[in-house]
Amino acid sequence: MDGKENQIEEFESILISTIRTIMSEITQHQDLGITGSQFHLLNKIEKEKVTNVKHLAKILNVKPSAITVMLERLVQHGFVSRVQDEKDRRFVAVTLTEEGVQVLQKARENSREILKKYAALLDEHELKILNSILQKFTDYQSK
């Protein structure tokens, strides 16, 4: 293997390990009573404002039954409400409750603090370089 191949291999190893570790930390909110998957689902519900199981399953690329199970737990915790549409009884609107908004806000604050911890390892110049590199990856994915 030449030098560049070695660098790519090292890059792959570091990237995968780092992403797994950081994502695990910023999405786990057991202290708030939600899992990483529920945190992700709450974010999607908030973004959509009012949605339904079928739409959530489509945008998350999972089966509606998986969404239904997660939603049931979120309803039990009081973070999400489901309301049947009076005009079309097949449509069940899914929205965040006030408690759901608050837990999502707190979870985001916790996630931000974790990211700040990692950012503190870098000086301002290094952080700008990292952001520039990540933006290049994002731009490439958008093509």
N, C-alpha and C. Protein backbone atom coordinates (compact mmCIF):
# COMPACT_ATOMS: atom_id res chain seq x y z
N MET A 1 0.84 -1.18 0.00
CA MET A 1 0.00 0.00 0.00
C MET A 1 0.88 1.24 0.00
N ASP A 2 0.49 2.23 -0.79
CA ASP A 2 1.27 3.46 -0.79
C ASP A 2 0.80 4.40 0.32
N GLY A 3 1.46 5.54 0.44
CA GLY A 3 1.17 6.48 1.52
C GLY A 3 -0.27 6.97 1.53
N LYS A 4 -0.81 7.27 0.34
CA LYS A 4 -2.18 7.78 0.28
C LYS A 4 -3.18 6.70 0.70
N GLU A 5 -2.95 5.48 0.26
CA GLU A 5 -3.83 4.37 0.66
C GLU A 5 -3.81 4.18 2.17
N ASN A 6 -2.64 4.29 2.76
CA ASN A 6 -2.53 4.19 4.23
C ASN A 6 -3.31 5.31 4.90
N GLN A 7 -3.20 6.51 4.34
CA GLN A 7 -3.92 7.65 4.90
C GLN A 7 -5.43 7.46 4.79
N ILE A 8 -5.88 6.93 3.68
CA ILE A 8 -7.32 6.68 3.49
C ILE A 8 -7.80 5.62 4.47
N GLU A 9 -7.01 4.59 4.65
CA GLU A 9 -7.37 3.54 5.61
C GLU A 9 -7.46 4.11 7.03
N GLU A 10 -6.50 4.94 7.39
CA GLU A 10 -6.51 5.57 8.71
C GLU A 10 -7.70 6.52 8.85
N PHE A 11 -7.96 7.28 7.77
CA PHE A 11 -9.11 8.19 7.75
C PHE A 11 -10.41 7.44 7.99
N GLU A 12 -10.56 6.32 7.29
CA GLU A 12 -11.77 5.49 7.44
C GLU A 12 -11.94 5.04 8.89
N SER A 13 -10.90 4.52 9.45
CA SER A 13 -10.96 4.02 10.83
C SER A 13 -11.30 5.12 11.83
N ILE A 14 -10.61 6.24 11.70
CA ILE A 14 -10.84 7.36 12.63
C ILE A 14 -12.24 7.93 12.45
N LEU A 15 -12.64 8.12 11.19
CA LEU A 15 -13.95 8.72 10.92
C LEU A 15 -15.08 7.87 11.49
N ILE A 16 -15.06 6.58 11.20
CA ILE A 16 -16.12 5.69 11.68
C ILE A 16 -16.17 5.66 13.20
N SER A 17 -15.04 5.52 13.82
CA SER A 17 -14.98 5.48 15.28
C SER A 17 -15.47 6.78 15.91
N THR A 18 -15.01 7.90 15.35
CA THR A 18 -15.38 9.21 15.90
C THR A 18 -16.87 9.48 15.73
N ILE A 19 -17.39 9.20 14.55
CA ILE A 19 -18.82 9.44 14.31
C ILE A 19 -19.67 8.59 15.24
N ARG A 20 -19.33 7.32 15.37
CA ARG A 20 -20.09 6.44 16.27
C ARG A 20 -20.09 6.97 17.70
N THR A 21 -18.91 7.35 18.18
CA THR A 21 -18.79 7.82 19.56
C THR A 21 -19.57 9.10 19.79
N ILE A 22 -19.36 10.08 18.93
CA ILE A 22 -20.02 11.37 19.11
C ILE A 22 -21.53 11.23 18.94
N MET A 23 -21.97 10.52 17.90
CA MET A 23 -23.41 10.36 17.68
C MET A 23 -24.06 9.62 18.84
N SER A 24 -23.38 8.64 19.37
CA SER A 24 -23.92 7.92 20.52
C SER A 24 -24.09 8.86 21.71
N GLU A 25 -23.10 9.70 21.93
CA GLU A 25 -23.17 10.64 23.06
C GLU A 25 -24.26 11.69 22.87
N ILE A 26 -24.36 12.25 21.65
CA ILE A 26 -25.30 13.36 21.48
C ILE A 26 -26.74 12.93 21.28
N THR A 27 -26.98 11.63 21.05
CA THR A 27 -28.36 11.19 20.88
C THR A 27 -28.91 10.41 22.06
N GLN A 28 -28.08 10.08 23.02
CA GLN A 28 -28.56 9.31 24.18
C GLN A 28 -29.00 10.26 25.29
N HIS A 29 -30.25 10.16 25.64
CA HIS A 29 -30.82 11.06 26.64
C HIS A 29 -31.67 10.28 27.65
N GLN A 30 -31.10 9.20 28.19
CA GLN A 30 -31.84 8.38 29.15
C GLN A 30 -32.28 9.21 30.36
N ASP A 31 -31.46 10.19 30.73
CA ASP A 31 -31.81 11.03 31.88
C ASP A 31 -33.10 11.80 31.63
N LEU A 32 -33.46 11.98 30.36
CA LEU A 32 -34.69 12.68 30.01
C LEU A 32 -35.82 11.71 29.67
N GLY A 33 -35.53 10.42 29.70
CA GLY A 33 -36.56 9.43 29.42
C GLY A 33 -36.76 9.12 27.95
N ILE A 34 -35.77 9.46 27.11
CA ILE A 34 -35.90 9.15 25.68
C ILE A 34 -34.62 8.47 25.18
N THR A 35 -34.81 7.64 24.16
CA THR A 35 -33.69 6.96 23.51
C THR A 35 -33.20 7.82 22.35
N GLY A 36 -32.11 7.39 21.73
CA GLY A 36 -31.59 8.09 20.57
C GLY A 36 -32.60 8.10 19.42
N SER A 37 -33.26 6.98 19.19
CA SER A 37 -34.26 6.89 18.12
C SER A 37 -35.45 7.80 18.41
N GLN A 38 -35.86 7.86 19.66
CA GLN A 38 -36.98 8.73 20.03
C GLN A 38 -36.59 10.20 19.88
N PHE A 39 -35.35 10.53 20.23
CA PHE A 39 -34.84 11.90 20.05
C PHE A 39 -34.92 12.28 18.57
N HIS A 40 -34.49 11.38 17.70
CA HIS A 40 -34.54 11.62 16.26
C HIS A 40 -35.99 11.79 15.80
N LEU A 41 -36.88 10.95 16.29
CA LEU A 41 -38.29 11.02 15.92
C LEU A 41 -38.92 12.32 16.40
N LEU A 42 -38.62 12.73 17.63
CA LEU A 42 -39.14 14.00 18.15
C LEU A 42 -38.69 15.17 17.28
N ASN A 43 -37.44 15.14 16.83
CA ASN A 43 -36.93 16.19 15.95
C ASN A 43 -37.73 16.25 14.65
N LYS A 44 -38.02 15.09 14.08
CA LYS A 44 -38.78 15.03 12.83
C LYS A 44 -40.20 15.53 13.03
N ILE A 45 -40.83 15.14 14.13
CA ILE A 45 -42.20 15.59 14.40
C ILE A 45 -42.22 17.10 14.56
N GLU A 46 -41.24 17.64 15.28
CA GLU A 46 -41.21 19.10 15.46
C GLU A 46 -41.04 19.81 14.13
N LYS A 47 -40.17 19.29 13.29
CA LYS A 47 -39.93 19.91 11.98
C LYS A 47 -41.20 19.90 11.13
N GLU A 48 -41.95 18.82 11.19
CA GLU A 48 -43.16 18.68 10.38
C GLU A 48 -44.36 19.43 10.97
N LYS A 49 -44.29 19.78 12.24
CA LYS A 49 -45.37 20.44 13.01
C LYS A 49 -46.53 19.47 13.25
N VAL A 50 -47.28 19.15 12.20
CA VAL A 50 -48.36 18.15 12.30
C VAL A 50 -48.10 17.12 11.20
N THR A 51 -48.08 15.87 11.59
CA THR A 51 -47.77 14.82 10.62
C THR A 51 -48.57 13.57 10.96
N ASN A 52 -48.27 12.47 10.29
CA ASN A 52 -48.93 11.20 10.60
C ASN A 52 -47.91 10.07 10.51
N VAL A 53 -48.31 8.89 10.93
CA VAL A 53 -47.42 7.74 10.98
C VAL A 53 -46.85 7.41 9.60
N LYS A 54 -47.70 7.41 8.60
CA LYS A 54 -47.27 7.05 7.25
C LYS A 54 -46.18 8.00 6.76
N HIS A 55 -46.37 9.29 6.96
CA HIS A 55 -45.38 10.27 6.52
C HIS A 55 -44.07 10.13 7.29
N LEU A 56 -44.16 9.93 8.60
CA LEU A 56 -42.95 9.75 9.41
C LEU A 56 -42.18 8.52 8.96
N ALA A 57 -42.89 7.44 8.69
CA ALA A 57 -42.24 6.21 8.23
C ALA A 57 -41.52 6.45 6.91
N LYS A 58 -42.16 7.21 6.03
CA LYS A 58 -41.57 7.49 4.72
C LYS A 58 -40.29 8.31 4.86
N ILE A 59 -40.32 9.40 5.64
CA ILE A 59 -39.14 10.26 5.73
C ILE A 59 -38.01 9.62 6.55
N LEU A 60 -38.36 8.68 7.42
CA LEU A 60 -37.34 7.99 8.21
C LEU A 60 -36.94 6.65 7.59
N ASN A 61 -37.62 6.30 6.49
CA ASN A 61 -37.32 5.07 5.76
C ASN A 61 -37.43 3.82 6.64
N VAL A 62 -38.53 3.75 7.40
CA VAL A 62 -38.82 2.57 8.22
C VAL A 62 -40.27 2.18 8.01
N LYS A 63 -40.65 1.03 8.54
CA LYS A 63 -42.03 0.58 8.42
C LYS A 63 -42.93 1.37 9.37
N PRO A 64 -44.17 1.61 8.97
CA PRO A 64 -45.10 2.31 9.85
C PRO A 64 -45.25 1.64 11.21
N SER A 65 -45.16 0.31 11.25
CA SER A 65 -45.29 -0.40 12.53
C SER A 65 -44.17 0.00 13.50
N ALA A 66 -42.98 0.27 12.98
CA ALA A 66 -41.87 0.70 13.85
C ALA A 66 -42.15 2.09 14.42
N ILE A 67 -42.72 2.96 13.60
CA ILE A 67 -43.07 4.31 14.07
C ILE A 67 -44.17 4.21 15.12
N THR A 68 -45.16 3.36 14.87
CA THR A 68 -46.27 3.21 15.81
C THR A 68 -45.77 2.78 17.19
N VAL A 69 -44.84 1.84 17.24
CA VAL A 69 -44.29 1.38 18.52
C VAL A 69 -43.58 2.52 19.24
N MET A 70 -42.74 3.27 18.51
CA MET A 70 -42.02 4.39 19.14
C MET A 70 -42.98 5.48 19.59
N LEU A 71 -43.98 5.76 18.75
CA LEU A 71 -44.95 6.80 19.12
C LEU A 71 -45.72 6.42 20.37
N GLU A 72 -46.07 5.16 20.50
CA GLU A 72 -46.82 4.71 21.67
C GLU A 72 -46.04 5.02 22.95
N ARG A 73 -44.75 4.77 22.92
CA ARG A 73 -43.93 5.07 24.10
C ARG A 73 -43.87 6.58 24.36
N LEU A 74 -43.77 7.35 23.29
CA LEU A 74 -43.71 8.81 23.45
C LEU A 74 -45.05 9.37 23.95
N VAL A 75 -46.15 8.76 23.51
CA VAL A 75 -47.47 9.16 24.01
C VAL A 75 -47.58 8.83 25.49
N GLN A 76 -47.13 7.64 25.89
CA GLN A 76 -47.17 7.23 27.30
C GLN A 76 -46.37 8.18 28.19
N HIS A 77 -45.26 8.70 27.66
CA HIS A 77 -44.45 9.65 28.43
C HIS A 77 -45.02 11.08 28.38
N GLY A 78 -46.03 11.28 27.55
CA GLY A 78 -46.65 12.60 27.45
C GLY A 78 -45.91 13.56 26.53
N PHE A 79 -45.03 13.03 25.65
CA PHE A 79 -44.23 13.89 24.78
C PHE A 79 -44.90 14.14 23.43
N VAL A 80 -45.83 13.27 23.05
CA VAL A 80 -46.48 13.33 21.74
C VAL A 80 -47.97 13.09 21.94
N SER A 81 -48.77 13.74 21.09
CA SER A 81 -50.20 13.45 21.10
C SER A 81 -50.62 12.96 19.72
N ARG A 82 -51.62 12.08 19.72
CA ARG A 82 -52.21 11.59 18.48
C ARG A 82 -53.69 11.94 18.53
N VAL A 83 -54.15 12.60 17.47
CA VAL A 83 -55.55 13.02 17.42
C VAL A 83 -56.13 12.60 16.07
N GLN A 84 -57.25 11.90 16.14
CA GLN A 84 -57.90 11.44 14.92
C GLN A 84 -58.62 12.61 14.25
N ASP A 85 -58.46 12.75 12.95
CA ASP A 85 -59.10 13.81 12.18
C ASP A 85 -60.60 13.53 12.11
N GLU A 86 -61.39 14.56 12.40
CA GLU A 86 -62.86 14.39 12.41
C GLU A 86 -63.41 14.17 11.00
N LYS A 87 -62.77 14.76 9.99
CA LYS A 87 -63.25 14.65 8.62
C LYS A 87 -62.79 13.35 7.96
N ASP A 88 -61.58 12.93 8.26
CA ASP A 88 -61.03 11.70 7.69
C ASP A 88 -60.49 10.85 8.83
N ARG A 89 -61.30 9.91 9.29
CA ARG A 89 -60.96 9.15 10.49
C ARG A 89 -59.73 8.25 10.28
N ARG A 90 -59.32 8.08 9.02
CA ARG A 90 -58.10 7.30 8.76
C ARG A 90 -56.84 8.09 9.10
N PHE A 91 -56.96 9.42 9.11
CA PHE A 91 -55.81 10.28 9.37
C PHE A 91 -55.70 10.57 10.87
N VAL A 92 -54.57 10.20 11.45
CA VAL A 92 -54.30 10.48 12.86
C VAL A 92 -53.13 11.46 12.91
N ALA A 93 -53.43 12.68 13.36
CA ALA A 93 -52.42 13.72 13.43
C ALA A 93 -51.49 13.47 14.61
N VAL A 94 -50.20 13.60 14.37
CA VAL A 94 -49.18 13.42 15.40
C VAL A 94 -48.49 14.77 15.61
N THR A 95 -48.48 15.23 16.86
CA THR A 95 -47.83 16.50 17.20
C THR A 95 -47.10 16.36 18.53
N LEU A 96 -46.17 17.28 18.76
CA LEU A 96 -45.49 17.33 20.05
C LEU A 96 -46.40 18.00 21.07
N THR A 97 -46.37 17.51 22.29
CA THR A 97 -47.04 18.19 23.39
C THR A 97 -46.09 19.26 23.92
N GLU A 98 -46.56 20.09 24.82
CA GLU A 98 -45.69 21.08 25.45
C GLU A 98 -44.54 20.39 26.18
N GLU A 99 -44.85 19.28 26.83
CA GLU A 99 -43.80 18.52 27.52
C GLU A 99 -42.80 17.95 26.51
N GLY A 100 -43.29 17.53 25.35
CA GLY A 100 -42.40 17.04 24.30
C GLY A 100 -41.48 18.12 23.77
N VAL A 101 -42.02 19.32 23.61
CA VAL A 101 -41.20 20.46 23.17
C VAL A 101 -40.11 20.74 24.20
N GLN A 102 -40.48 20.70 25.47
CA GLN A 102 -39.51 20.97 26.54
C GLN A 102 -38.42 19.90 26.61
N VAL A 103 -38.79 18.63 26.51
CA VAL A 103 -37.78 17.56 26.59
C VAL A 103 -36.87 17.60 25.36
N LEU A 104 -37.43 17.94 24.20
CA LEU A 104 -36.62 18.06 22.99
C LEU A 104 -35.62 19.22 23.12
N GLN A 105 -36.09 20.33 23.66
CA GLN A 105 -35.21 21.48 23.87
C GLN A 105 -34.07 21.12 24.83
N LYS A 106 -34.39 20.44 25.91
CA LYS A 106 -33.37 20.05 26.89
C LYS A 106 -32.39 19.05 26.26
N ALA A 107 -32.90 18.12 25.47
CA ALA A 107 -32.04 17.14 24.81
C ALA A 107 -31.09 17.84 23.84
N ARG A 108 -31.59 18.83 23.12
CA ARG A 108 -30.74 19.59 22.20
C ARG A 108 -29.66 20.36 22.96
N GLU A 109 -30.05 20.93 24.10
CA GLU A 109 -29.07 21.64 24.93
C GLU A 109 -27.97 20.68 25.40
N ASN A 110 -28.37 19.49 25.83
CA ASN A 110 -27.40 18.47 26.25
C ASN A 110 -26.47 18.10 25.10
N SER A 111 -27.04 17.91 23.92
CA SER A 111 -26.25 17.57 22.74
C SER A 111 -25.26 18.68 22.40
N ARG A 112 -25.73 19.91 22.50
CA ARG A 112 -24.86 21.06 22.21
C ARG A 112 -23.68 21.11 23.18
N GLU A 113 -23.93 20.81 24.45
CA GLU A 113 -22.85 20.81 25.45
C GLU A 113 -21.80 19.74 25.13
N ILE A 114 -22.25 18.61 24.64
CA ILE A 114 -21.32 17.55 24.26
C ILE A 114 -20.47 18.00 23.07
N LEU A 115 -21.11 18.64 22.08
CA LEU A 115 -20.36 19.14 20.93
C LEU A 115 -19.37 20.22 21.35
N LYS A 116 -19.75 21.05 22.31
CA LYS A 116 -18.84 22.08 22.82
C LYS A 116 -17.61 21.44 23.46
N LYS A 117 -17.83 20.32 24.14
CA LYS A 117 -16.72 19.60 24.78
C LYS A 117 -15.71 19.16 23.72
N TYR A 118 -16.19 18.63 22.62
CA TYR A 118 -15.29 18.22 21.54
C TYR A 118 -14.67 19.43 20.85
N ALA A 119 -15.44 20.47 20.62
CA ALA A 119 -14.91 21.67 19.97
C ALA A 119 -13.82 22.32 20.81
N ALA A 120 -13.91 22.19 22.12
CA ALA A 120 -12.90 22.77 23.02
C ALA A 120 -11.53 22.11 22.85
N LEU A 121 -11.48 20.95 22.23
CA LEU A 121 -10.20 20.29 21.96
C LEU A 121 -9.44 20.98 20.84
N LEU A 122 -10.13 21.83 20.08
CA LEU A 122 -9.53 22.50 18.92
C LEU A 122 -9.42 23.99 19.18
N ASP A 123 -8.41 24.61 18.58
CA ASP A 123 -8.38 26.07 18.64
C ASP A 123 -9.29 26.60 17.53
N GLU A 124 -9.48 27.91 17.49
CA GLU A 124 -10.43 28.49 16.54
C GLU A 124 -10.06 28.16 15.09
N HIS A 125 -8.79 28.22 14.77
CA HIS A 125 -8.32 27.92 13.41
C HIS A 125 -8.61 26.47 13.04
N GLU A 126 -8.32 25.55 13.94
CA GLU A 126 -8.57 24.12 13.67
C GLU A 126 -10.06 23.86 13.49
N LEU A 127 -10.88 24.54 14.28
CA LEU A 127 -12.33 24.37 14.16
C LEU A 127 -12.82 24.87 12.80
N LYS A 128 -12.28 26.00 12.34
CA LYS A 128 -12.65 26.51 11.01
C LYS A 128 -12.25 25.53 9.92
N ILE A 129 -11.06 24.95 10.05
CA ILE A 129 -10.60 23.97 9.06
C ILE A 129 -11.51 22.73 9.08
N LEU A 130 -11.83 22.23 10.27
CA LEU A 130 -12.72 21.07 10.37
C LEU A 130 -14.07 21.38 9.74
N ASN A 131 -14.64 22.53 10.04
CA ASN A 131 -15.93 22.91 9.46
C ASN A 131 -15.84 23.01 7.94
N SER A 132 -14.73 23.54 7.44
CA SER A 132 -14.53 23.65 5.99
C SER A 132 -14.48 22.27 5.34
N ILE A 133 -13.76 21.36 5.96
CA ILE A 133 -13.66 19.99 5.44
C ILE A 133 -15.02 19.31 5.45
N LEU A 134 -15.73 19.42 6.55
CA LEU A 134 -17.05 18.79 6.64
C LEU A 134 -18.02 19.40 5.63
N GLN A 135 -17.90 20.71 5.38
CA GLN A 135 -18.75 21.36 4.39
C GLN A 135 -18.45 20.81 2.99
N LYS A 136 -17.19 20.53 2.70
CA LYS A 136 -16.85 19.92 1.41
C LYS A 136 -17.53 18.57 1.25
N PHE A 137 -17.54 17.78 2.32
CA PHE A 137 -18.22 16.49 2.28
C PHE A 137 -19.72 16.67 2.03
N THR A 138 -20.31 17.64 2.73
CA THR A 138 -21.74 17.92 2.56
C THR A 138 -22.04 18.36 1.14
N ASP A 139 -21.22 19.25 0.60
CA ASP A 139 -21.42 19.73 -0.77
C ASP A 139 -21.32 18.58 -1.77
N TYR A 140 -20.37 17.69 -1.55
CA TYR A 140 -20.19 16.54 -2.43
C TYR A 140 -21.43 15.64 -2.40
N GLN A 141 -21.99 15.44 -1.22
CA GLN A 141 -23.18 14.59 -1.08
C GLN A 141 -24.38 15.21 -1.76
N SER A 142 -24.41 16.53 -1.85
CA SER A 142 -25.55 17.24 -2.43
C SER A 142 -25.58 17.18 -3.95
N LYS A 143 -24.47 16.75 -4.55
CA LYS A 143 -24.39 16.71 -6.02
C LYS A 143 -25.19 15.58 -6.59
